[in-house]
Amino acid sequence: MKSDVVVIGSLNYDILIQQDRLPEVGETFTGNELMLMPGGKGANQAVQCSKLGLNVSMVGCVGNDIYGEHLINALHENNVSVANVLKRGTTTGIGIVQILESGDYCSTIIKGANYLLNENDISDNLFDGKPLVILQSEIPSHVVDYVIKAASTHQCKIILNNAPARSIAPSTLSSVDYLVVNETEASFMAGCDVSSIDDAHFCAAKLHKMVRSNVIITLGEKGAVLSSDESARHFPAVFCPEVIDTTGAGDSFIGGIAYCLVNNIPLTKAIPFAAEISMCSIQKYGGQSSFPMLADVAHALDYSDL
């Protein structure tokens, strides 16, 4: 079956610790709850796309261990193709996530097998039918560069979620159709502070000159800004009655953007729709398990502003 979306990125086994605060240096602090869940930005984005009804292929590496098996099974259970998820003779990537009482989180990532993905693992067949290609920065930078150039050659549209933020060659960035970053990542890439909506507009306009078409900067409770060839505007945040856990919220947002792009829905509708999806995801613990199905959020397209 033809893929609507090909996600090339990370798969991590997440260890989530719910705690009231972060410990001080040298302090032993007692957490409240431990949760074990599938994660990784790439896998998360693939699962959210699939939950919205898209045909999705995942490309990445896991270790030859029980954690890798768990991640592959989780993707399979969420109807994501795992034909291009490879096993390597090392440990699976691990994410240690500390969730605070506010719902905010801090995380530490162990790269593991994610950094054994290489250019030889990227088959040209992945780009047959011009699927939407989604990338993040939890795999080697040379692989990201290679995929962007290859996908562009095959006339695929490309979403780059440069998270965690790192430097990208201008020649590579100029082939990106949709750059989606948060304020921290945008600040790193553009070299300017992003502490207000006006700052975000300035930063988005600066980044827009570096990419092929579109920049979206997500701002959490301040919403998001868009800079494109057609529009530069701010989108207010969707009201959330209760924030439980923001883990994976950005990945859920990207899944919403991807759904709209595949279905030729303009970004001015896509961003409010993606914000609604992201809002739903933060009302439960965990990443993939908290992501909504299309039926849960389809109403958002009815009132999204054109």
C-alpha atoms as a PDB file:
ATOM      1  CA  MET A   1       0.000   0.000   0.000  1.00  0.00           C
ATOM      2  CA  LYS A   2       1.259   3.466  -0.876  1.00  0.00           C
ATOM      3  CA  SER A   3       2.359   5.512   2.120  1.00  0.00           C
ATOM      4  CA  ASP A   4       0.817   8.933   2.643  1.00  0.00           C
ATOM      5  CA  VAL A   5       3.610   9.735   5.083  1.00  0.00           C
ATOM      6  CA  VAL A   6       7.145   8.443   5.617  1.00  0.00           C
ATOM      7  CA  VAL A   7       8.618   9.296   9.012  1.00  0.00           C
ATOM      8  CA  ILE A   8      12.386   8.926   9.270  1.00  0.00           C
ATOM      9  CA  GLY A   9      13.532   9.355  12.836  1.00  0.00           C
ATOM     10  CA  SER A  10      13.923   8.129  16.373  1.00  0.00           C
ATOM     11  CA  LEU A  11      12.359   5.356  18.403  1.00  0.00           C
ATOM     12  CA  ASN A  12      12.898   5.513  22.165  1.00  0.00           C
ATOM     13  CA  TYR A  13      11.652   3.469  25.078  1.00  0.00           C
ATOM     14  CA  ASP A  14      10.428   6.108  27.526  1.00  0.00           C
ATOM     15  CA  ILE A  15      10.785   5.931  31.292  1.00  0.00           C
ATOM     16  CA  LEU A  16       8.424   8.536  32.753  1.00  0.00           C
ATOM     17  CA  ILE A  17       8.737   9.685  36.362  1.00  0.00           C
ATOM     18  CA  GLN A  18       5.967  11.832  37.804  1.00  0.00           C
ATOM     19  CA  GLN A  19       7.391  14.082  40.533  1.00  0.00           C
ATOM     20  CA  ASP A  20       6.586  17.332  42.307  1.00  0.00           C
ATOM     21  CA  ARG A  21       9.856  19.070  41.428  1.00  0.00           C
ATOM     22  CA  LEU A  22      13.352  18.435  40.136  1.00  0.00           C
ATOM     23  CA  PRO A  23      15.938  17.421  42.739  1.00  0.00           C
ATOM     24  CA  GLU A  24      18.814  19.704  43.677  1.00  0.00           C
ATOM     25  CA  VAL A  25      22.378  18.652  42.859  1.00  0.00           C
ATOM     26  CA  GLY A  26      23.386  15.914  45.298  1.00  0.00           C
ATOM     27  CA  GLU A  27      19.813  15.419  46.533  1.00  0.00           C
ATOM     28  CA  THR A  28      17.944  12.114  46.515  1.00  0.00           C
ATOM     29  CA  PHE A  29      14.303  12.894  45.762  1.00  0.00           C
ATOM     30  CA  THR A  30      11.315  10.561  45.831  1.00  0.00           C
ATOM     31  CA  GLY A  31       9.125  10.444  42.736  1.00  0.00           C
ATOM     32  CA  ASN A  32       5.399   9.766  42.804  1.00  0.00           C
ATOM     33  CA  GLU A  33       4.851   7.351  39.924  1.00  0.00           C
ATOM     34  CA  LEU A  34       6.794   5.416  37.274  1.00  0.00           C
ATOM     35  CA  MET A  35       5.444   4.745  33.778  1.00  0.00           C
ATOM     36  CA  LEU A  36       7.040   2.830  30.898  1.00  0.00           C
ATOM     37  CA  MET A  37       5.887   3.771  27.391  1.00  0.00           C
ATOM     38  CA  PRO A  38       6.903   3.750  23.717  1.00  0.00           C
ATOM     39  CA  GLY A  39       8.283   7.057  22.512  1.00  0.00           C
ATOM     40  CA  GLY A  40      10.837   8.895  20.419  1.00  0.00           C
ATOM     41  CA  LYS A  41       9.901  11.916  18.336  1.00  0.00           C
ATOM     42  CA  GLY A  42       9.861   9.939  15.110  1.00  0.00           C
ATOM     43  CA  ALA A  43       7.730   7.095  16.419  1.00  0.00           C
ATOM     44  CA  ASN A  44       5.395   9.522  18.184  1.00  0.00           C
ATOM     45  CA  GLN A  45       4.797  11.513  15.023  1.00  0.00           C
ATOM     46  CA  ALA A  46       4.231   8.335  13.027  1.00  0.00           C
ATOM     47  CA  VAL A  47       1.645   7.083  15.525  1.00  0.00           C
ATOM     48  CA  GLN A  48      -0.256  10.376  15.601  1.00  0.00           C
ATOM     49  CA  CYS A  49      -0.381  10.438  11.799  1.00  0.00           C
ATOM     50  CA  SER A  50      -1.700   6.879  11.786  1.00  0.00           C
ATOM     51  CA  LYS A  51      -4.323   7.624  14.442  1.00  0.00           C
ATOM     52  CA  LEU A  52      -5.624  10.339  12.136  1.00  0.00           C
ATOM     53  CA  GLY A  53      -6.133   7.765   9.391  1.00  0.00           C
ATOM     54  CA  LEU A  54      -3.001   8.230   7.275  1.00  0.00           C
ATOM     55  CA  ASN A  55      -0.987   5.348   5.817  1.00  0.00           C
ATOM     56  CA  VAL A  56       2.381   5.681   7.532  1.00  0.00           C
ATOM     57  CA  SER A  57       5.782   4.041   7.145  1.00  0.00           C
ATOM     58  CA  MET A  58       8.388   4.378   9.897  1.00  0.00           C
ATOM     59  CA  VAL A  59      12.119   4.312   9.162  1.00  0.00           C
ATOM     60  CA  GLY A  60      14.576   4.004  12.038  1.00  0.00           C
ATOM     61  CA  CYS A  61      16.660   1.718  14.213  1.00  0.00           C
ATOM     62  CA  VAL A  62      16.099  -0.094  17.491  1.00  0.00           C
ATOM     63  CA  GLY A  63      18.411  -2.337  19.468  1.00  0.00           C
ATOM     64  CA  ASN A  64      18.270  -6.099  19.454  1.00  0.00           C
ATOM     65  CA  ASP A  65      16.655  -6.159  22.899  1.00  0.00           C
ATOM     66  CA  ILE A  66      13.290  -6.344  24.648  1.00  0.00           C
ATOM     67  CA  TYR A  67      12.842  -2.562  24.437  1.00  0.00           C
ATOM     68  CA  GLY A  68      13.200  -2.618  20.662  1.00  0.00           C
ATOM     69  CA  GLU A  69      10.638  -5.402  20.406  1.00  0.00           C
ATOM     70  CA  HIS A  70       8.240  -3.364  22.516  1.00  0.00           C
ATOM     71  CA  LEU A  71       8.640  -0.323  20.256  1.00  0.00           C
ATOM     72  CA  ILE A  72       8.101  -2.331  17.081  1.00  0.00           C
ATOM     73  CA  ASN A  73       5.001  -3.954  18.567  1.00  0.00           C
ATOM     74  CA  ALA A  74       3.613  -0.559  19.606  1.00  0.00           C
ATOM     75  CA  LEU A  75       3.986   0.769  16.062  1.00  0.00           C
ATOM     76  CA  HIS A  76       2.400  -2.357  14.607  1.00  0.00           C
ATOM     77  CA  GLU A  77      -0.538  -2.075  17.014  1.00  0.00           C
ATOM     78  CA  ASN A  78      -1.049   1.506  15.814  1.00  0.00           C
ATOM     79  CA  ASN A  79      -1.078   0.426  12.147  1.00  0.00           C
ATOM     80  CA  VAL A  80       2.304   1.952  11.301  1.00  0.00           C
ATOM     81  CA  SER A  81       4.370  -0.021   8.782  1.00  0.00           C
ATOM     82  CA  VAL A  82       7.545  -1.328  10.448  1.00  0.00           C
ATOM     83  CA  ALA A  83       9.100  -2.895   7.324  1.00  0.00           C
ATOM     84  CA  ASN A  84      11.872  -0.288   7.482  1.00  0.00           C
ATOM     85  CA  VAL A  85      12.483  -0.372  11.235  1.00  0.00           C
ATOM     86  CA  LEU A  86      15.854  -2.069  11.562  1.00  0.00           C
ATOM     87  CA  LYS A  87      17.492  -3.894  14.451  1.00  0.00           C
ATOM     88  CA  ARG A  88      21.089  -3.121  15.360  1.00  0.00           C
ATOM     89  CA  GLY A  89      23.441  -4.905  17.750  1.00  0.00           C
ATOM     90  CA  THR A  90      23.291  -2.287  20.474  1.00  0.00           C
ATOM     91  CA  THR A  91      20.803  -0.928  22.997  1.00  0.00           C
ATOM     92  CA  THR A  92      17.535   0.692  22.004  1.00  0.00           C
ATOM     93  CA  GLY A  93      17.299   4.454  22.470  1.00  0.00           C
ATOM     94  CA  ILE A  94      15.974   5.424  25.889  1.00  0.00           C
ATOM     95  CA  GLY A  95      14.161   8.558  27.030  1.00  0.00           C
ATOM     96  CA  ILE A  96      14.067   9.443  30.726  1.00  0.00           C
ATOM     97  CA  VAL A  97      11.248  11.942  31.221  1.00  0.00           C
ATOM     98  CA  GLN A  98      10.592  13.806  34.469  1.00  0.00           C
ATOM     99  CA  ILE A  99       7.025  15.113  34.575  1.00  0.00           C
ATOM    100  CA  LEU A 100       6.380  17.921  37.028  1.00  0.00           C
ATOM    101  CA  GLU A 101       3.183  18.793  38.860  1.00  0.00           C
ATOM    102  CA  SER A 102       2.499  21.595  36.357  1.00  0.00           C
ATOM    103  CA  GLY A 103       2.508  19.085  33.490  1.00  0.00           C
ATOM    104  CA  ASP A 104       5.789  20.444  32.148  1.00  0.00           C
ATOM    105  CA  TYR A 105       8.656  18.029  31.685  1.00  0.00           C
ATOM    106  CA  CYS A 106      12.412  17.623  31.358  1.00  0.00           C
ATOM    107  CA  SER A 107      13.961  14.750  29.442  1.00  0.00           C
ATOM    108  CA  THR A 108      17.299  13.067  28.857  1.00  0.00           C
ATOM    109  CA  ILE A 109      17.762  10.949  25.747  1.00  0.00           C
ATOM    110  CA  ILE A 110      20.161   8.033  25.326  1.00  0.00           C
ATOM    111  CA  LYS A 111      20.788   7.839  21.567  1.00  0.00           C
ATOM    112  CA  GLY A 112      21.399   4.094  21.362  1.00  0.00           C
ATOM    113  CA  ALA A 113      20.453   2.465  18.063  1.00  0.00           C
ATOM    114  CA  ASN A 114      18.971   5.711  16.707  1.00  0.00           C
ATOM    115  CA  TYR A 115      22.478   6.871  15.815  1.00  0.00           C
ATOM    116  CA  LEU A 116      23.261   3.728  13.843  1.00  0.00           C
ATOM    117  CA  LEU A 117      20.810   4.680  11.092  1.00  0.00           C
ATOM    118  CA  ASN A 118      22.791   5.501   7.950  1.00  0.00           C
ATOM    119  CA  GLU A 119      22.311   6.572   4.353  1.00  0.00           C
ATOM    120  CA  ASN A 120      22.389   2.991   3.085  1.00  0.00           C
ATOM    121  CA  ASP A 121      19.205   2.312   5.080  1.00  0.00           C
ATOM    122  CA  ILE A 122      17.306   4.921   3.046  1.00  0.00           C
ATOM    123  CA  SER A 123      15.912   3.271  -0.074  1.00  0.00           C
ATOM    124  CA  ASP A 124      14.739   5.379  -3.002  1.00  0.00           C
ATOM    125  CA  ASN A 125      11.595   3.220  -2.968  1.00  0.00           C
ATOM    126  CA  LEU A 126      10.523   5.063   0.183  1.00  0.00           C
ATOM    127  CA  PHE A 127       9.817   8.115  -1.950  1.00  0.00           C
ATOM    128  CA  ASP A 128       7.658   6.349  -4.544  1.00  0.00           C
ATOM    129  CA  GLY A 129       4.342   8.136  -4.940  1.00  0.00           C
ATOM    130  CA  LYS A 130       5.753  11.352  -3.438  1.00  0.00           C
ATOM    131  CA  PRO A 131       4.722  10.810   0.195  1.00  0.00           C
ATOM    132  CA  LEU A 132       5.031  13.565   2.762  1.00  0.00           C
ATOM    133  CA  VAL A 133       8.413  13.059   4.480  1.00  0.00           C
ATOM    134  CA  ILE A 134       8.806  13.950   8.169  1.00  0.00           C
ATOM    135  CA  LEU A 135      12.174  14.286   9.907  1.00  0.00           C
ATOM    136  CA  GLN A 136      13.449  15.265  13.341  1.00  0.00           C
ATOM    137  CA  SER A 137      16.965  15.674  14.797  1.00  0.00           C
ATOM    138  CA  GLU A 138      17.248  12.603  17.035  1.00  0.00           C
ATOM    139  CA  ILE A 139      19.108  10.699  14.300  1.00  0.00           C
ATOM    140  CA  PRO A 140      22.544  11.524  12.794  1.00  0.00           C
ATOM    141  CA  SER A 141      22.701  14.910  11.081  1.00  0.00           C
ATOM    142  CA  HIS A 142      24.294  13.454   7.944  1.00  0.00           C
ATOM    143  CA  VAL A 143      21.276  11.146   7.553  1.00  0.00           C
ATOM    144  CA  VAL A 144      18.872  14.078   7.928  1.00  0.00           C
ATOM    145  CA  ASP A 145      20.829  16.005   5.278  1.00  0.00           C
ATOM    146  CA  TYR A 146      20.818  13.009   2.944  1.00  0.00           C
ATOM    147  CA  VAL A 147      17.087  12.380   3.324  1.00  0.00           C
ATOM    148  CA  ILE A 148      16.181  16.024   2.720  1.00  0.00           C
ATOM    149  CA  LYS A 149      18.184  16.078  -0.502  1.00  0.00           C
ATOM    150  CA  ALA A 150      16.875  12.687  -1.672  1.00  0.00           C
ATOM    151  CA  ALA A 151      13.247  13.487  -0.857  1.00  0.00           C
ATOM    152  CA  SER A 152      13.539  16.854  -2.566  1.00  0.00           C
ATOM    153  CA  THR A 153      14.976  15.187  -5.673  1.00  0.00           C
ATOM    154  CA  HIS A 154      11.914  12.917  -5.725  1.00  0.00           C
ATOM    155  CA  GLN A 155       9.661  15.992  -5.370  1.00  0.00           C
ATOM    156  CA  CYS A 156       8.359  14.984  -1.949  1.00  0.00           C
ATOM    157  CA  LYS A 157       7.181  17.661   0.463  1.00  0.00           C
ATOM    158  CA  ILE A 158       9.318  17.748   3.604  1.00  0.00           C
ATOM    159  CA  ILE A 159       8.505  18.622   7.219  1.00  0.00           C
ATOM    160  CA  LEU A 160      11.563  19.188   9.400  1.00  0.00           C
ATOM    161  CA  ASN A 161      11.077  19.288  13.157  1.00  0.00           C
ATOM    162  CA  ASN A 162      14.571  20.420  14.177  1.00  0.00           C
ATOM    163  CA  ALA A 163      14.325  18.989  17.677  1.00  0.00           C
ATOM    164  CA  PRO A 164      16.604  18.900  19.512  1.00  0.00           C
ATOM    165  CA  ALA A 165      17.911  21.986  17.745  1.00  0.00           C
ATOM    166  CA  ARG A 166      21.170  21.757  15.856  1.00  0.00           C
ATOM    167  CA  SER A 167      22.918  23.591  13.043  1.00  0.00           C
ATOM    168  CA  ILE A 168      21.798  22.706   9.527  1.00  0.00           C
ATOM    169  CA  ALA A 169      23.625  23.668   6.346  1.00  0.00           C
ATOM    170  CA  PRO A 170      21.861  26.465   4.422  1.00  0.00           C
ATOM    171  CA  SER A 171      21.931  24.335   1.261  1.00  0.00           C
ATOM    172  CA  THR A 172      19.984  21.629   3.106  1.00  0.00           C
ATOM    173  CA  LEU A 173      17.567  23.948   4.883  1.00  0.00           C
ATOM    174  CA  SER A 174      16.610  25.590   1.597  1.00  0.00           C
ATOM    175  CA  SER A 175      15.002  22.302   0.496  1.00  0.00           C
ATOM    176  CA  VAL A 176      12.693  22.124   3.537  1.00  0.00           C
ATOM    177  CA  ASP A 177       9.054  22.922   2.768  1.00  0.00           C
ATOM    178  CA  TYR A 178       7.778  23.108   6.360  1.00  0.00           C
ATOM    179  CA  LEU A 179      10.025  23.942   9.301  1.00  0.00           C
ATOM    180  CA  VAL A 180       8.183  23.308  12.588  1.00  0.00           C
ATOM    181  CA  VAL A 181      10.020  24.294  15.778  1.00  0.00           C
ATOM    182  CA  ASN A 182       9.259  25.569  19.264  1.00  0.00           C
ATOM    183  CA  GLU A 183      10.541  28.853  20.651  1.00  0.00           C
ATOM    184  CA  THR A 184      13.776  27.353  22.017  1.00  0.00           C
ATOM    185  CA  GLU A 185      14.619  25.666  18.731  1.00  0.00           C
ATOM    186  CA  ALA A 186      13.667  28.753  16.724  1.00  0.00           C
ATOM    187  CA  SER A 187      15.858  30.938  18.927  1.00  0.00           C
ATOM    188  CA  PHE A 188      18.829  28.622  18.367  1.00  0.00           C
ATOM    189  CA  MET A 189      18.373  28.509  14.603  1.00  0.00           C
ATOM    190  CA  ALA A 190      17.759  32.213  14.056  1.00  0.00           C
ATOM    191  CA  GLY A 191      20.077  33.547  16.760  1.00  0.00           C
ATOM    192  CA  CYS A 192      17.429  35.767  18.307  1.00  0.00           C
ATOM    193  CA  ASP A 193      15.390  35.747  21.509  1.00  0.00           C
ATOM    194  CA  VAL A 194      11.836  34.388  21.367  1.00  0.00           C
ATOM    195  CA  SER A 195      10.069  35.484  24.533  1.00  0.00           C
ATOM    196  CA  SER A 196       6.987  37.155  23.047  1.00  0.00           C
ATOM    197  CA  ILE A 197       4.648  36.834  20.089  1.00  0.00           C
ATOM    198  CA  ASP A 198       6.352  39.793  18.400  1.00  0.00           C
ATOM    199  CA  ASP A 199       9.717  38.087  18.877  1.00  0.00           C
ATOM    200  CA  ALA A 200       8.293  34.938  17.326  1.00  0.00           C
ATOM    201  CA  HIS A 201       7.063  36.854  14.272  1.00  0.00           C
ATOM    202  CA  PHE A 202      10.495  38.400  13.799  1.00  0.00           C
ATOM    203  CA  CYS A 203      12.219  35.052  14.226  1.00  0.00           C
ATOM    204  CA  ALA A 204       9.792  33.238  11.907  1.00  0.00           C
ATOM    205  CA  ALA A 205      10.347  35.839   9.191  1.00  0.00           C
ATOM    206  CA  LYS A 206      14.102  35.385   9.547  1.00  0.00           C
ATOM    207  CA  LEU A 207      13.825  31.601   9.316  1.00  0.00           C
ATOM    208  CA  HIS A 208      11.408  31.884   6.391  1.00  0.00           C
ATOM    209  CA  LYS A 209      14.252  33.283   4.291  1.00  0.00           C
ATOM    210  CA  MET A 210      16.253  30.109   4.984  1.00  0.00           C
ATOM    211  CA  VAL A 211      13.661  27.492   3.979  1.00  0.00           C
ATOM    212  CA  ARG A 212      11.746  26.789   0.786  1.00  0.00           C
ATOM    213  CA  SER A 213       8.275  27.872   1.887  1.00  0.00           C
ATOM    214  CA  ASN A 214       6.869  27.791   5.439  1.00  0.00           C
ATOM    215  CA  VAL A 215       7.875  28.252   9.080  1.00  0.00           C
ATOM    216  CA  ILE A 216       5.699  27.418  12.088  1.00  0.00           C
ATOM    217  CA  ILE A 217       6.889  28.326  15.586  1.00  0.00           C
ATOM    218  CA  THR A 218       4.882  26.791  18.417  1.00  0.00           C
ATOM    219  CA  LEU A 219       4.663  28.872  21.585  1.00  0.00           C
ATOM    220  CA  GLY A 220       2.845  26.658  24.070  1.00  0.00           C
ATOM    221  CA  GLU A 221       0.166  28.625  25.888  1.00  0.00           C
ATOM    222  CA  LYS A 222       0.828  31.603  23.577  1.00  0.00           C
ATOM    223  CA  GLY A 223      -0.257  29.655  20.502  1.00  0.00           C
ATOM    224  CA  ALA A 224       1.779  29.570  17.296  1.00  0.00           C
ATOM    225  CA  VAL A 225       2.983  31.848  14.528  1.00  0.00           C
ATOM    226  CA  LEU A 226       3.182  31.150  10.810  1.00  0.00           C
ATOM    227  CA  SER A 227       5.431  32.752   8.227  1.00  0.00           C
ATOM    228  CA  SER A 228       4.760  31.613   4.678  1.00  0.00           C
ATOM    229  CA  ASP A 229       4.783  32.987   1.163  1.00  0.00           C
ATOM    230  CA  GLU A 230       1.088  33.831   1.553  1.00  0.00           C
ATOM    231  CA  SER A 231       0.663  34.686   5.219  1.00  0.00           C
ATOM    232  CA  ALA A 232       2.297  35.898   8.423  1.00  0.00           C
ATOM    233  CA  ARG A 233      -0.007  35.564  11.386  1.00  0.00           C
ATOM    234  CA  HIS A 234      -0.465  34.481  14.971  1.00  0.00           C
ATOM    235  CA  PHE A 235      -2.821  31.695  16.035  1.00  0.00           C
ATOM    236  CA  PRO A 236      -3.994  31.774  19.661  1.00  0.00           C
ATOM    237  CA  ALA A 237      -3.698  28.656  21.781  1.00  0.00           C
ATOM    238  CA  VAL A 238      -6.656  26.314  22.147  1.00  0.00           C
ATOM    239  CA  PHE A 239      -8.093  26.359  25.667  1.00  0.00           C
ATOM    240  CA  CYS A 240      -7.143  23.304  27.699  1.00  0.00           C
ATOM    241  CA  PRO A 241      -9.272  22.567  30.783  1.00  0.00           C
ATOM    242  CA  GLU A 242      -6.500  20.593  32.518  1.00  0.00           C
ATOM    243  CA  VAL A 243      -2.840  20.037  31.701  1.00  0.00           C
ATOM    244  CA  ILE A 244      -1.664  16.606  32.859  1.00  0.00           C
ATOM    245  CA  ASP A 245       1.461  15.863  30.810  1.00  0.00           C
ATOM    246  CA  THR A 246       2.907  17.803  27.871  1.00  0.00           C
ATOM    247  CA  THR A 247       5.162  14.922  26.758  1.00  0.00           C
ATOM    248  CA  GLY A 248       4.711  14.410  23.019  1.00  0.00           C
ATOM    249  CA  ALA A 249       2.525  17.493  22.532  1.00  0.00           C
ATOM    250  CA  GLY A 250       4.788  18.830  19.802  1.00  0.00           C
ATOM    251  CA  ASP A 251       4.784  15.454  18.059  1.00  0.00           C
ATOM    252  CA  SER A 252       1.000  15.355  18.186  1.00  0.00           C
ATOM    253  CA  PHE A 253       0.910  18.861  16.682  1.00  0.00           C
ATOM    254  CA  ILE A 254       3.080  17.747  13.774  1.00  0.00           C
ATOM    255  CA  GLY A 255       0.780  14.787  13.177  1.00  0.00           C
ATOM    256  CA  GLY A 256      -2.081  17.243  12.792  1.00  0.00           C
ATOM    257  CA  ILE A 257      -0.139  19.388  10.343  1.00  0.00           C
ATOM    258  CA  ALA A 258       0.763  16.281   8.338  1.00  0.00           C
ATOM    259  CA  TYR A 259      -2.877  15.163   8.153  1.00  0.00           C
ATOM    260  CA  CYS A 260      -3.889  18.505   6.698  1.00  0.00           C
ATOM    261  CA  LEU A 261      -1.042  18.643   4.184  1.00  0.00           C
ATOM    262  CA  VAL A 262      -1.845  15.161   2.868  1.00  0.00           C
ATOM    263  CA  ASN A 263      -5.493  16.198   2.521  1.00  0.00           C
ATOM    264  CA  ASN A 264      -4.698  19.551   0.859  1.00  0.00           C
ATOM    265  CA  ILE A 265      -6.034  21.572   3.783  1.00  0.00           C
ATOM    266  CA  PRO A 266      -4.365  25.014   3.997  1.00  0.00           C
ATOM    267  CA  LEU A 267      -2.017  25.869   6.852  1.00  0.00           C
ATOM    268  CA  THR A 268      -4.403  28.514   8.133  1.00  0.00           C
ATOM    269  CA  LYS A 269      -6.808  25.679   8.960  1.00  0.00           C
ATOM    270  CA  ALA A 270      -4.091  23.152   9.723  1.00  0.00           C
ATOM    271  CA  ILE A 271      -2.531  25.066  12.601  1.00  0.00           C
ATOM    272  CA  PRO A 272      -5.733  25.439  14.687  1.00  0.00           C
ATOM    273  CA  PHE A 273      -6.550  21.796  13.939  1.00  0.00           C
ATOM    274  CA  ALA A 274      -3.089  20.657  15.026  1.00  0.00           C
ATOM    275  CA  ALA A 275      -3.389  22.790  18.159  1.00  0.00           C
ATOM    276  CA  GLU A 276      -6.655  21.031  19.028  1.00  0.00           C
ATOM    277  CA  ILE A 277      -4.977  17.644  18.617  1.00  0.00           C
ATOM    278  CA  SER A 278      -2.040  18.703  20.757  1.00  0.00           C
ATOM    279  CA  MET A 279      -4.414  20.033  23.427  1.00  0.00           C
ATOM    280  CA  CYS A 280      -6.175  16.676  23.603  1.00  0.00           C
ATOM    281  CA  SER A 281      -2.857  14.881  24.036  1.00  0.00           C
ATOM    282  CA  ILE A 282      -1.775  16.841  27.118  1.00  0.00           C
ATOM    283  CA  GLN A 283      -4.843  15.863  29.141  1.00  0.00           C
ATOM    284  CA  LYS A 284      -3.476  12.345  29.724  1.00  0.00           C
ATOM    285  CA  TYR A 285      -0.165  10.856  30.786  1.00  0.00           C
ATOM    286  CA  GLY A 286       2.197   9.505  28.167  1.00  0.00           C
ATOM    287  CA  GLY A 287       2.876  10.239  24.527  1.00  0.00           C
ATOM    288  CA  GLN A 288       1.442   7.772  22.024  1.00  0.00           C
ATOM    289  CA  SER A 289      -1.259   6.459  24.343  1.00  0.00           C
ATOM    290  CA  SER A 290      -2.588   9.997  24.829  1.00  0.00           C
ATOM    291  CA  PHE A 291      -2.824  10.864  21.137  1.00  0.00           C
ATOM    292  CA  PRO A 292      -6.394  11.341  19.850  1.00  0.00           C
ATOM    293  CA  MET A 293      -8.063   9.553  16.957  1.00  0.00           C
ATOM    294  CA  LEU A 294      -9.493  11.496  14.027  1.00  0.00           C
ATOM    295  CA  ALA A 295     -13.051  11.061  15.338  1.00  0.00           C
ATOM    296  CA  ASP A 296     -12.028  12.834  18.551  1.00  0.00           C
ATOM    297  CA  VAL A 297     -10.866  15.992  16.769  1.00  0.00           C
ATOM    298  CA  ALA A 298     -12.610  16.116  13.373  1.00  0.00           C
ATOM    299  CA  HIS A 299     -14.929  18.834  14.690  1.00  0.00           C
ATOM    300  CA  ALA A 300     -11.944  21.185  14.925  1.00  0.00           C
ATOM    301  CA  LEU A 301     -11.756  21.439  11.142  1.00  0.00           C
ATOM    302  CA  ASP A 302     -15.318  22.751  11.085  1.00  0.00           C
ATOM    303  CA  TYR A 303     -14.481  25.903  13.012  1.00  0.00           C
ATOM    304  CA  SER A 304     -10.839  26.437  11.989  1.00  0.00           C
ATOM    305  CA  ASP A 305     -10.478  29.895  10.499  1.00  0.00           C
ATOM    306  CA  LEU A 306      -9.625  30.109   6.828  1.00  0.00           C
END
